[in-house]
PDB file of N, CA and C in Angstrom:
ATOM      1  N   MET A   1       1.066  -0.935   0.115  1.00  0.00           N
ATOM      2  CA  MET A   1      -0.060  -0.043  -0.052  1.00  0.00           C
ATOM      3  C   MET A   1       1.107   1.301  -0.278  1.00  0.00           C
ATOM      4  N   GLN A   2       0.295   2.062  -0.772  1.00  0.00           N
ATOM      5  CA  GLN A   2       1.279   3.490  -0.482  1.00  0.00           C
ATOM      6  C   GLN A   2       0.227   4.670  -0.453  1.00  0.00           C
ATOM      7  N   TRP A   3       0.853   5.720   0.441  1.00  0.00           N
ATOM      8  CA  TRP A   3       0.130   7.172   0.318  1.00  0.00           C
ATOM      9  C   TRP A   3       0.931   8.117   0.246  1.00  0.00           C
ATOM     10  N   THR A   4       0.317   8.982  -0.265  1.00  0.00           N
ATOM     11  CA  THR A   4       1.039  10.560  -0.816  1.00  0.00           C
ATOM     12  C   THR A   4       0.354  11.650   0.360  1.00  0.00           C
ATOM     13  N   VAL A   5       1.492  12.666   0.698  1.00  0.00           N
ATOM     14  CA  VAL A   5       1.262  13.539   1.491  1.00  0.00           C
ATOM     15  C   VAL A   5       0.347  14.382   0.458  1.00  0.00           C
ATOM     16  N   PRO A   6      -0.478  14.909   0.543  1.00  0.00           N
ATOM     17  CA  PRO A   6      -1.625  15.340  -0.490  1.00  0.00           C
ATOM     18  C   PRO A   6      -1.478  17.111  -0.635  1.00  0.00           C
ATOM     19  N   VAL A   7      -0.483  17.685   0.449  1.00  0.00           N
ATOM     20  CA  VAL A   7       0.065  19.179   0.302  1.00  0.00           C
ATOM     21  C   VAL A   7       1.771  18.928  -0.301  1.00  0.00           C
ATOM     22  N   SER A   8       1.984  20.396  -0.285  1.00  0.00           N
ATOM     23  CA  SER A   8       3.867  20.367  -0.540  1.00  0.00           C
ATOM     24  C   SER A   8       4.210  20.643   0.598  1.00  0.00           C
ATOM     25  N   LEU A   9       5.639  19.795   1.001  1.00  0.00           N
ATOM     26  CA  LEU A   9       5.916  19.883   2.275  1.00  0.00           C
ATOM     27  C   LEU A   9       7.045  21.087   2.555  1.00  0.00           C
ATOM     28  N   VAL A  10       7.206  22.010   3.173  1.00  0.00           N
ATOM     29  CA  VAL A  10       8.176  23.159   3.609  1.00  0.00           C
ATOM     30  C   VAL A  10       9.190  22.248   3.549  1.00  0.00           C
ATOM     31  N   ASN A  11      10.408  22.308   3.209  1.00  0.00           N
ATOM     32  CA  ASN A  11      11.568  22.243   3.752  1.00  0.00           C
ATOM     33  C   ASN A  11      11.992  21.909   5.536  1.00  0.00           C
ATOM     34  N   GLY A  12      12.109  20.529   5.954  1.00  0.00           N
ATOM     35  CA  GLY A  12      12.741  20.340   6.930  1.00  0.00           C
ATOM     36  C   GLY A  12      12.109  18.788   7.844  1.00  0.00           C
ATOM     37  N   ASP A  13      12.507  18.590   9.111  1.00  0.00           N
ATOM     38  CA  ASP A  13      12.136  17.216   9.357  1.00  0.00           C
ATOM     39  C   ASP A  13      10.435  16.787  10.142  1.00  0.00           C
ATOM     40  N   TYR A  14      10.270  15.779   9.695  1.00  0.00           N
ATOM     41  CA  TYR A  14       9.033  15.320   9.727  1.00  0.00           C
ATOM     42  C   TYR A  14       8.949  13.768  10.512  1.00  0.00           C
ATOM     43  N   SER A  15       7.861  13.515  11.080  1.00  0.00           N
ATOM     44  CA  SER A  15       8.056  12.080  11.594  1.00  0.00           C
ATOM     45  C   SER A  15       6.385  11.511  10.704  1.00  0.00           C
ATOM     46  N   TRP A  16       6.560  10.193  11.099  1.00  0.00           N
ATOM     47  CA  TRP A  16       4.610   9.351  10.163  1.00  0.00           C
ATOM     48  C   TRP A  16       5.337   8.614  11.318  1.00  0.00           C
ATOM     49  N   GLN A  17       3.493   7.622  11.138  1.00  0.00           N
ATOM     50  CA  GLN A  17       3.506   6.553  11.980  1.00  0.00           C
ATOM     51  C   GLN A  17       2.249   6.010  11.274  1.00  0.00           C
ATOM     52  N   VAL A  18       1.737   4.746  11.631  1.00  0.00           N
ATOM     53  CA  VAL A  18       0.629   4.085  11.010  1.00  0.00           C
ATOM     54  C   VAL A  18       0.133   2.803  12.109  1.00  0.00           C
ATOM     55  N   ALA A  19      -1.159   2.923  11.652  1.00  0.00           N
ATOM     56  CA  ALA A  19      -1.864   1.788  12.412  1.00  0.00           C
ATOM     57  C   ALA A  19      -3.075   1.040  11.610  1.00  0.00           C
ATOM     58  N   SER A  20      -3.253   0.154  11.795  1.00  0.00           N
ATOM     59  CA  SER A  20      -4.807  -0.355  11.092  1.00  0.00           C
ATOM     60  C   SER A  20      -6.162  -0.488  11.818  1.00  0.00           C
ATOM     61  N   THR A  21      -7.092  -0.511  11.056  1.00  0.00           N
ATOM     62  CA  THR A  21      -8.525  -0.934  11.540  1.00  0.00           C
ATOM     63  C   THR A  21      -9.193  -1.831  10.662  1.00  0.00           C
ATOM     64  N   ASP A  22     -10.593  -2.219  11.463  1.00  0.00           N
ATOM     65  CA  ASP A  22     -11.270  -3.052  10.537  1.00  0.00           C
ATOM     66  C   ASP A  22     -12.452  -2.501  11.522  1.00  0.00           C
ATOM     67  N   ASP A  23     -13.478  -3.172  11.070  1.00  0.00           N
ATOM     68  CA  ASP A  23     -15.075  -2.811  11.711  1.00  0.00           C
ATOM     69  C   ASP A  23     -14.882  -3.093  12.986  1.00  0.00           C
ATOM     70  N   ALA A  24     -14.186  -3.995  13.312  1.00  0.00           N
ATOM     71  CA  ALA A  24     -13.706  -4.081  14.953  1.00  0.00           C
ATOM     72  C   ALA A  24     -13.097  -3.645  15.912  1.00  0.00           C
ATOM     73  N   SER A  25     -11.811  -3.431  15.427  1.00  0.00           N
ATOM     74  CA  SER A  25     -10.642  -2.753  15.997  1.00  0.00           C
ATOM     75  C   SER A  25      -9.641  -2.296  15.268  1.00  0.00           C
ATOM     76  N   GLN A  26      -8.570  -1.689  16.205  1.00  0.00           N
ATOM     77  CA  GLN A  26      -7.458  -0.990  15.961  1.00  0.00           C
ATOM     78  C   GLN A  26      -6.259  -1.818  16.376  1.00  0.00           C
ATOM     79  N   SER A  27      -4.832  -1.616  15.444  1.00  0.00           N
ATOM     80  CA  SER A  27      -3.987  -2.016  15.894  1.00  0.00           C
ATOM     81  C   SER A  27      -3.426  -1.095  16.726  1.00  0.00           C
ATOM     82  N   ALA A  28      -2.000  -2.027  17.030  1.00  0.00           N
ATOM     83  CA  ALA A  28      -1.314  -0.633  17.710  1.00  0.00           C
ATOM     84  C   ALA A  28      -0.540   0.096  17.004  1.00  0.00           C
ATOM     85  N   TRP A  29       0.165   1.557  16.859  1.00  0.00           N
ATOM     86  CA  TRP A  29       0.701   2.328  16.243  1.00  0.00           C
ATOM     87  C   TRP A  29       1.889   1.819  16.157  1.00  0.00           C
ATOM     88  N   SER A  30       2.475   1.762  14.847  1.00  0.00           N
ATOM     89  CA  SER A  30       4.020   1.364  14.004  1.00  0.00           C
ATOM     90  C   SER A  30       4.767   1.861  15.330  1.00  0.00           C
ATOM     91  N   ASP A  31       6.206   1.899  14.962  1.00  0.00           N
ATOM     92  CA  ASP A  31       7.151   2.892  14.836  1.00  0.00           C
ATOM     93  C   ASP A  31       7.319   3.777  14.624  1.00  0.00           C
ATOM     94  N   LEU A  32       7.643   5.249  15.592  1.00  0.00           N
ATOM     95  CA  LEU A  32       7.648   6.412  14.784  1.00  0.00           C
ATOM     96  C   LEU A  32       8.916   6.377  13.697  1.00  0.00           C
ATOM     97  N   ARG A  33       8.271   6.733  12.415  1.00  0.00           N
ATOM     98  CA  ARG A  33       9.726   6.795  11.361  1.00  0.00           C
ATOM     99  C   ARG A  33       9.989   8.446  11.009  1.00  0.00           C
ATOM    100  N   ASP A  34      11.217   8.614  10.792  1.00  0.00           N
ATOM    101  CA  ASP A  34      11.389  10.255  10.171  1.00  0.00           C
ATOM    102  C   ASP A  34      12.032  10.316   8.952  1.00  0.00           C
ATOM    103  N   PHE A  35      11.540  11.327   8.505  1.00  0.00           N
ATOM    104  CA  PHE A  35      12.083  11.616   6.973  1.00  0.00           C
ATOM    105  C   PHE A  35      12.192  13.392   6.704  1.00  0.00           C
ATOM    106  N   THR A  36      12.785  13.737   6.221  1.00  0.00           N
ATOM    107  CA  THR A  36      13.686  15.146   5.861  1.00  0.00           C
ATOM    108  C   THR A  36      13.570  15.572   4.291  1.00  0.00           C
ATOM    109  N   VAL A  37      12.568  16.587   4.421  1.00  0.00           N
ATOM    110  CA  VAL A  37      12.409  17.406   2.959  1.00  0.00           C
ATOM    111  C   VAL A  37      13.270  18.105   2.858  1.00  0.00           C
ATOM    112  N   GLY A  38      14.587  17.635   1.672  1.00  0.00           N
ATOM    113  CA  GLY A  38      15.940  18.582   1.710  1.00  0.00           C
ATOM    114  C   GLY A  38      15.353  19.781   1.119  1.00  0.00           C
ATOM    115  N   MET A  39      16.376  20.855   1.354  1.00  0.00           N
ATOM    116  CA  MET A  39      16.573  21.978   0.739  1.00  0.00           C
ATOM    117  C   MET A  39      17.064  22.109  -0.451  1.00  0.00           C
ATOM    118  N   VAL A  40      16.790  22.937  -1.183  1.00  0.00           N
ATOM    119  CA  VAL A  40      16.637  22.951  -2.933  1.00  0.00           C
ATOM    120  C   VAL A  40      18.087  23.787  -3.044  1.00  0.00           C
ATOM    121  N   PRO A  41      19.025  23.461  -3.989  1.00  0.00           N
ATOM    122  CA  PRO A  41      20.417  23.900  -3.991  1.00  0.00           C
ATOM    123  C   PRO A  41      19.742  25.570  -4.714  1.00  0.00           C
ATOM    124  N   PRO A  42      21.133  26.582  -3.961  1.00  0.00           N
ATOM    125  CA  PRO A  42      20.655  28.006  -4.508  1.00  0.00           C
ATOM    126  C   PRO A  42      21.154  27.616  -6.134  1.00  0.00           C
ATOM    127  N   VAL A  43      20.751  29.222  -6.896  1.00  0.00           N
ATOM    128  CA  VAL A  43      20.847  29.181  -8.278  1.00  0.00           C
ATOM    129  C   VAL A  43      22.096  29.502  -8.498  1.00  0.00           C
ATOM    130  N   PRO A  44      22.840  28.525  -9.669  1.00  0.00           N
ATOM    131  CA  PRO A  44      24.053  29.223  -9.927  1.00  0.00           C
ATOM    132  C   PRO A  44      24.478  30.139 -10.852  1.00  0.00           C
ATOM    133  N   THR A  45      25.698  31.116 -10.111  1.00  0.00           N
ATOM    134  CA  THR A  45      26.013  32.928 -10.543  1.00  0.00           C
ATOM    135  C   THR A  45      26.301  32.684 -11.881  1.00  0.00           C
ATOM    136  N   VAL A  46      25.454  33.346 -12.556  1.00  0.00           N
ATOM    137  CA  VAL A  46      26.313  33.731 -14.017  1.00  0.00           C
ATOM    138  C   VAL A  46      27.345  34.412 -14.403  1.00  0.00           C
ATOM    139  N   ILE A  47      28.263  34.196 -14.996  1.00  0.00           N
ATOM    140  CA  ILE A  47      29.460  34.455 -14.736  1.00  0.00           C
ATOM    141  C   ILE A  47      29.582  35.597 -16.050  1.00  0.00           C
ATOM    142  N   SER A  48      29.104  35.061 -17.350  1.00  0.00           N
ATOM    143  CA  SER A  48      29.066  35.685 -18.922  1.00  0.00           C
ATOM    144  C   SER A  48      28.332  34.760 -19.429  1.00  0.00           C
ATOM    145  N   THR A  49      27.802  36.005 -20.433  1.00  0.00           N
ATOM    146  CA  THR A  49      27.019  35.227 -21.687  1.00  0.00           C
ATOM    147  C   THR A  49      28.020  35.735 -22.859  1.00  0.00           C
ATOM    148  N   GLU A  50      27.208  35.061 -24.120  1.00  0.00           N
ATOM    149  CA  GLU A  50      28.039  36.126 -25.225  1.00  0.00           C
ATOM    150  C   GLU A  50      26.748  35.044 -26.308  1.00  0.00           C
ATOM    151  N   ALA A  51      26.971  36.621 -27.219  1.00  0.00           N
ATOM    152  CA  ALA A  51      25.323  36.182 -28.599  1.00  0.00           C
ATOM    153  C   ALA A  51      26.351  35.856 -29.471  1.00  0.00           C
ATOM    154  N   TYR A  52      26.140  34.721 -30.361  1.00  0.00           N
ATOM    155  CA  TYR A  52      26.635  34.178 -31.663  1.00  0.00           C
ATOM    156  C   TYR A  52      25.749  34.378 -32.226  1.00  0.00           C
ATOM    157  N   ARG A  53      26.317  34.162 -34.059  1.00  0.00           N
ATOM    158  CA  ARG A  53      25.163  34.401 -34.749  1.00  0.00           C
ATOM    159  C   ARG A  53      24.148  33.037 -34.862  1.00  0.00           C
ATOM    160  N   LEU A  54      24.558  31.934 -34.322  1.00  0.00           N
ATOM    161  CA  LEU A  54      23.468  30.955 -34.550  1.00  0.00           C
ATOM    162  C   LEU A  54      23.354  30.402 -33.006  1.00  0.00           C
ATOM    163  N   GLY A  55      23.486  31.241 -32.152  1.00  0.00           N
ATOM    164  CA  GLY A  55      23.389  30.587 -31.012  1.00  0.00           C
ATOM    165  C   GLY A  55      23.515  31.748 -30.074  1.00  0.00           C
ATOM    166  N   ALA A  56      24.216  31.212 -28.478  1.00  0.00           N
ATOM    167  CA  ALA A  56      24.778  31.509 -27.296  1.00  0.00           C
ATOM    168  C   ALA A  56      25.664  30.485 -26.641  1.00  0.00           C
ATOM    169  N   GLY A  57      26.289  31.612 -25.975  1.00  0.00           N
ATOM    170  CA  GLY A  57      26.959  30.980 -24.870  1.00  0.00           C
ATOM    171  C   GLY A  57      26.863  31.479 -23.802  1.00  0.00           C
ATOM    172  N   LEU A  58      27.214  30.614 -22.789  1.00  0.00           N
ATOM    173  CA  LEU A  58      26.996  30.908 -21.021  1.00  0.00           C
ATOM    174  C   LEU A  58      27.855  30.423 -20.253  1.00  0.00           C
ATOM    175  N   ARG A  59      28.579  30.907 -19.692  1.00  0.00           N
ATOM    176  CA  ARG A  59      29.028  30.578 -18.430  1.00  0.00           C
ATOM    177  C   ARG A  59      28.509  31.194 -17.219  1.00  0.00           C
ATOM    178  N   PHE A  60      28.869  29.745 -16.222  1.00  0.00           N
ATOM    179  CA  PHE A  60      28.298  29.900 -14.969  1.00  0.00           C
ATOM    180  C   PHE A  60      28.878  29.255 -13.572  1.00  0.00           C
ATOM    181  N   GLN A  61      29.207  30.000 -12.529  1.00  0.00           N
ATOM    182  CA  GLN A  61      29.995  29.312 -11.124  1.00  0.00           C
ATOM    183  C   GLN A  61      29.080  27.835 -11.030  1.00  0.00           C
ATOM    184  N   LYS A  62      29.187  26.951 -10.397  1.00  0.00           N
ATOM    185  CA  LYS A  62      29.224  25.704 -10.464  1.00  0.00           C
ATOM    186  C   LYS A  62      28.390  25.828  -8.654  1.00  0.00           C
ATOM    187  N   VAL A  63      27.332  25.578  -8.184  1.00  0.00           N
ATOM    188  CA  VAL A  63      27.277  25.615  -6.323  1.00  0.00           C
ATOM    189  C   VAL A  63      27.657  24.940  -5.969  1.00  0.00           C
ATOM    190  N   PRO A  64      27.975  25.143  -4.721  1.00  0.00           N
ATOM    191  CA  PRO A  64      28.866  24.376  -3.533  1.00  0.00           C
ATOM    192  C   PRO A  64      27.699  23.588  -3.350  1.00  0.00           C
ATOM    193  N   ASN A  65      29.177  21.615  -3.456  1.00  0.00           N
ATOM    194  CA  ASN A  65      28.145  20.507  -2.955  1.00  0.00           C
ATOM    195  C   ASN A  65      28.433  20.218  -1.889  1.00  0.00           C
ATOM    196  N   ASP A  66      27.776  21.190  -0.849  1.00  0.00           N
ATOM    197  CA  ASP A  66      27.721  20.775   0.775  1.00  0.00           C
ATOM    198  C   ASP A  66      26.114  20.429   0.997  1.00  0.00           C
ATOM    199  N   TYR A  67      25.364  19.927   0.439  1.00  0.00           N
ATOM    200  CA  TYR A  67      24.123  19.509   0.876  1.00  0.00           C
ATOM    201  C   TYR A  67      24.368  18.350   1.056  1.00  0.00           C
ATOM    202  N   GLU A  68      22.961  17.642   1.731  1.00  0.00           N
ATOM    203  CA  GLU A  68      22.957  16.093   1.786  1.00  0.00           C
ATOM    204  C   GLU A  68      23.246  15.479   0.454  1.00  0.00           C
ATOM    205  N   ALA A  69      22.309  15.934  -0.669  1.00  0.00           N
ATOM    206  CA  ALA A  69      22.076  15.191  -2.040  1.00  0.00           C
ATOM    207  C   ALA A  69      23.449  15.808  -2.739  1.00  0.00           C
ATOM    208  N   PRO A  70      24.106  15.350  -3.717  1.00  0.00           N
ATOM    209  CA  PRO A  70      24.924  15.967  -4.557  1.00  0.00           C
ATOM    210  C   PRO A  70      24.054  16.652  -5.466  1.00  0.00           C
ATOM    211  N   VAL A  71      24.628  17.808  -6.012  1.00  0.00           N
ATOM    212  CA  VAL A  71      23.541  18.593  -7.419  1.00  0.00           C
ATOM    213  C   VAL A  71      24.175  17.761  -8.719  1.00  0.00           C
ATOM    214  N   LEU A  72      23.172  17.012  -9.110  1.00  0.00           N
ATOM    215  CA  LEU A  72      23.289  16.065 -10.069  1.00  0.00           C
ATOM    216  C   LEU A  72      23.190  16.502 -11.775  1.00  0.00           C
ATOM    217  N   ASP A  73      22.276  17.585 -11.818  1.00  0.00           N
ATOM    218  CA  ASP A  73      22.350  18.529 -13.149  1.00  0.00           C
ATOM    219  C   ASP A  73      21.833  19.590 -13.177  1.00  0.00           C
ATOM    220  N   TYR A  74      22.368  20.344 -14.220  1.00  0.00           N
ATOM    221  CA  TYR A  74      21.968  22.079 -14.615  1.00  0.00           C
ATOM    222  C   TYR A  74      20.773  21.633 -15.247  1.00  0.00           C
ATOM    223  N   THR A  75      20.200  23.020 -15.997  1.00  0.00           N
ATOM    224  CA  THR A  75      19.175  23.069 -16.762  1.00  0.00           C
ATOM    225  C   THR A  75      19.392  24.424 -16.937  1.00  0.00           C
ATOM    226  N   VAL A  76      19.235  24.376 -18.494  1.00  0.00           N
ATOM    227  CA  VAL A  76      19.741  25.835 -19.095  1.00  0.00           C
ATOM    228  C   VAL A  76      18.406  26.028 -19.887  1.00  0.00           C
ATOM    229  N   THR A  77      17.462  27.091 -20.008  1.00  0.00           N
ATOM    230  CA  THR A  77      16.371  27.301 -20.525  1.00  0.00           C
ATOM    231  C   THR A  77      16.537  28.330 -21.597  1.00  0.00           C
ATOM    232  N   ALA A  78      16.019  28.438 -22.933  1.00  0.00           N
ATOM    233  CA  ALA A  78      16.256  29.391 -23.621  1.00  0.00           C
ATOM    234  C   ALA A  78      15.034  29.879 -24.366  1.00  0.00           C
ATOM    235  N   MET A  79      14.825  31.246 -24.062  1.00  0.00           N
ATOM    236  CA  MET A  79      13.553  31.742 -24.722  1.00  0.00           C
ATOM    237  C   MET A  79      13.884  32.953 -25.460  1.00  0.00           C
ATOM    238  N   PRO A  80      14.081  32.308 -26.596  1.00  0.00           N
ATOM    239  CA  PRO A  80      14.012  33.661 -27.906  1.00  0.00           C
ATOM    240  C   PRO A  80      13.118  34.394 -28.154  1.00  0.00           C
ATOM    241  N   GLY A  81      13.966  35.510 -28.359  1.00  0.00           N
ATOM    242  CA  GLY A  81      13.261  37.127 -28.356  1.00  0.00           C
ATOM    243  C   GLY A  81      13.019  37.501 -26.688  1.00  0.00           C
ATOM    244  N   ASN A  82      13.253  37.039 -26.134  1.00  0.00           N
ATOM    245  CA  ASN A  82      12.999  37.424 -24.944  1.00  0.00           C
ATOM    246  C   ASN A  82      14.760  38.048 -24.281  1.00  0.00           C
TER     247      ASN A  82
END
Protein backbone atom coordinates (compact mmCIF):
# COMPACT_ATOMS: atom_id res chain seq x y z
CA MET A 1 0.00 0.00 0.00
CA GLN A 2 1.15 3.54 -0.71
CA TRP A 3 0.00 6.96 0.49
CA THR A 4 1.17 10.34 -0.76
CA VAL A 5 1.06 13.50 1.33
CA PRO A 6 -1.68 15.61 -0.30
CA VAL A 7 0.14 18.95 0.12
CA SER A 8 3.64 20.24 -0.58
CA LEU A 9 5.84 20.15 2.50
CA VAL A 10 8.22 22.95 3.37
CA ASN A 11 11.85 22.02 4.02
CA GLY A 12 12.33 20.42 7.40
CA ASP A 13 12.15 17.23 9.46
CA TYR A 14 8.95 15.20 9.71
CA SER A 15 7.77 11.99 11.39
CA TRP A 16 5.06 9.48 10.54
CA GLN A 17 3.49 6.29 11.91
CA VAL A 18 0.63 4.06 10.88
CA ALA A 19 -2.05 1.83 12.40
CA SER A 20 -4.61 -0.44 10.75
CA THR A 21 -8.31 -0.69 11.53
CA ASP A 22 -11.23 -2.91 10.64
CA ASP A 23 -14.88 -2.94 11.68
CA ALA A 24 -14.04 -4.31 15.14
CA SER A 25 -10.67 -2.98 16.29
CA GLN A 26 -7.47 -1.05 15.69
CA SER A 27 -3.88 -2.28 15.77
CA ALA A 28 -1.14 -0.71 17.81
CA TRP A 29 0.69 2.19 16.17
CA SER A 30 3.89 1.40 14.28
CA ASP A 31 7.24 2.74 15.38
CA LEU A 32 7.72 6.40 14.60
CA ARG A 33 9.70 6.94 11.36
CA ASP A 34 11.49 10.14 10.40
CA PHE A 35 12.16 11.76 7.03
CA THR A 36 13.59 15.05 5.85
CA VAL A 37 12.46 17.29 3.03
CA GLY A 38 15.77 18.65 1.77
CA MET A 39 16.76 22.11 0.82
CA VAL A 40 16.78 23.23 -2.80
CA PRO A 41 20.31 24.15 -3.91
CA PRO A 42 20.94 27.82 -4.69
CA VAL A 43 20.77 29.26 -8.20
CA PRO A 44 24.13 29.15 -10.03
CA THR A 45 25.83 32.52 -10.58
CA VAL A 46 26.04 33.60 -14.23
CA ILE A 47 29.60 34.71 -15.02
CA SER A 48 29.19 35.75 -18.65
CA THR A 49 26.97 35.43 -21.72
CA GLU A 50 27.84 35.80 -25.39
CA ALA A 51 25.62 35.99 -28.44
CA TYR A 52 26.69 34.20 -31.61
CA ARG A 53 25.18 34.18 -35.07
CA LEU A 54 23.64 30.75 -34.58
CA GLY A 55 23.41 30.49 -30.82
CA ALA A 56 24.68 31.74 -27.50
CA GLY A 57 27.24 30.93 -24.87
CA LEU A 58 26.74 30.88 -21.13
CA ARG A 59 29.33 30.51 -18.38
CA PHE A 60 28.19 29.98 -14.80
CA GLN A 61 29.74 29.13 -11.47
CA LYS A 62 28.79 25.77 -10.01
CA VAL A 63 26.97 25.88 -6.69
CA PRO A 64 28.80 24.54 -3.62
CA ASN A 65 28.24 20.81 -3.24
CA ASP A 66 27.71 20.82 0.52
CA TYR A 67 24.13 19.55 0.67
CA GLU A 68 22.84 16.17 1.86
CA ALA A 69 22.48 15.10 -1.78
CA PRO A 70 24.91 16.22 -4.49
CA VAL A 71 23.82 18.46 -7.37
CA LEU A 72 23.52 16.04 -10.29
CA ASP A 73 22.33 18.24 -13.14
CA TYR A 74 21.91 21.80 -14.34
CA THR A 75 19.18 22.90 -16.75
CA VAL A 76 19.39 25.95 -19.02
CA THR A 77 16.24 27.20 -20.73
CA ALA A 78 16.43 29.49 -23.77
CA MET A 79 13.60 31.87 -24.58
CA PRO A 80 14.17 33.34 -28.06
CA GLY A 81 13.02 36.92 -28.36
CA ASN A 82 13.27 37.73 -24.64
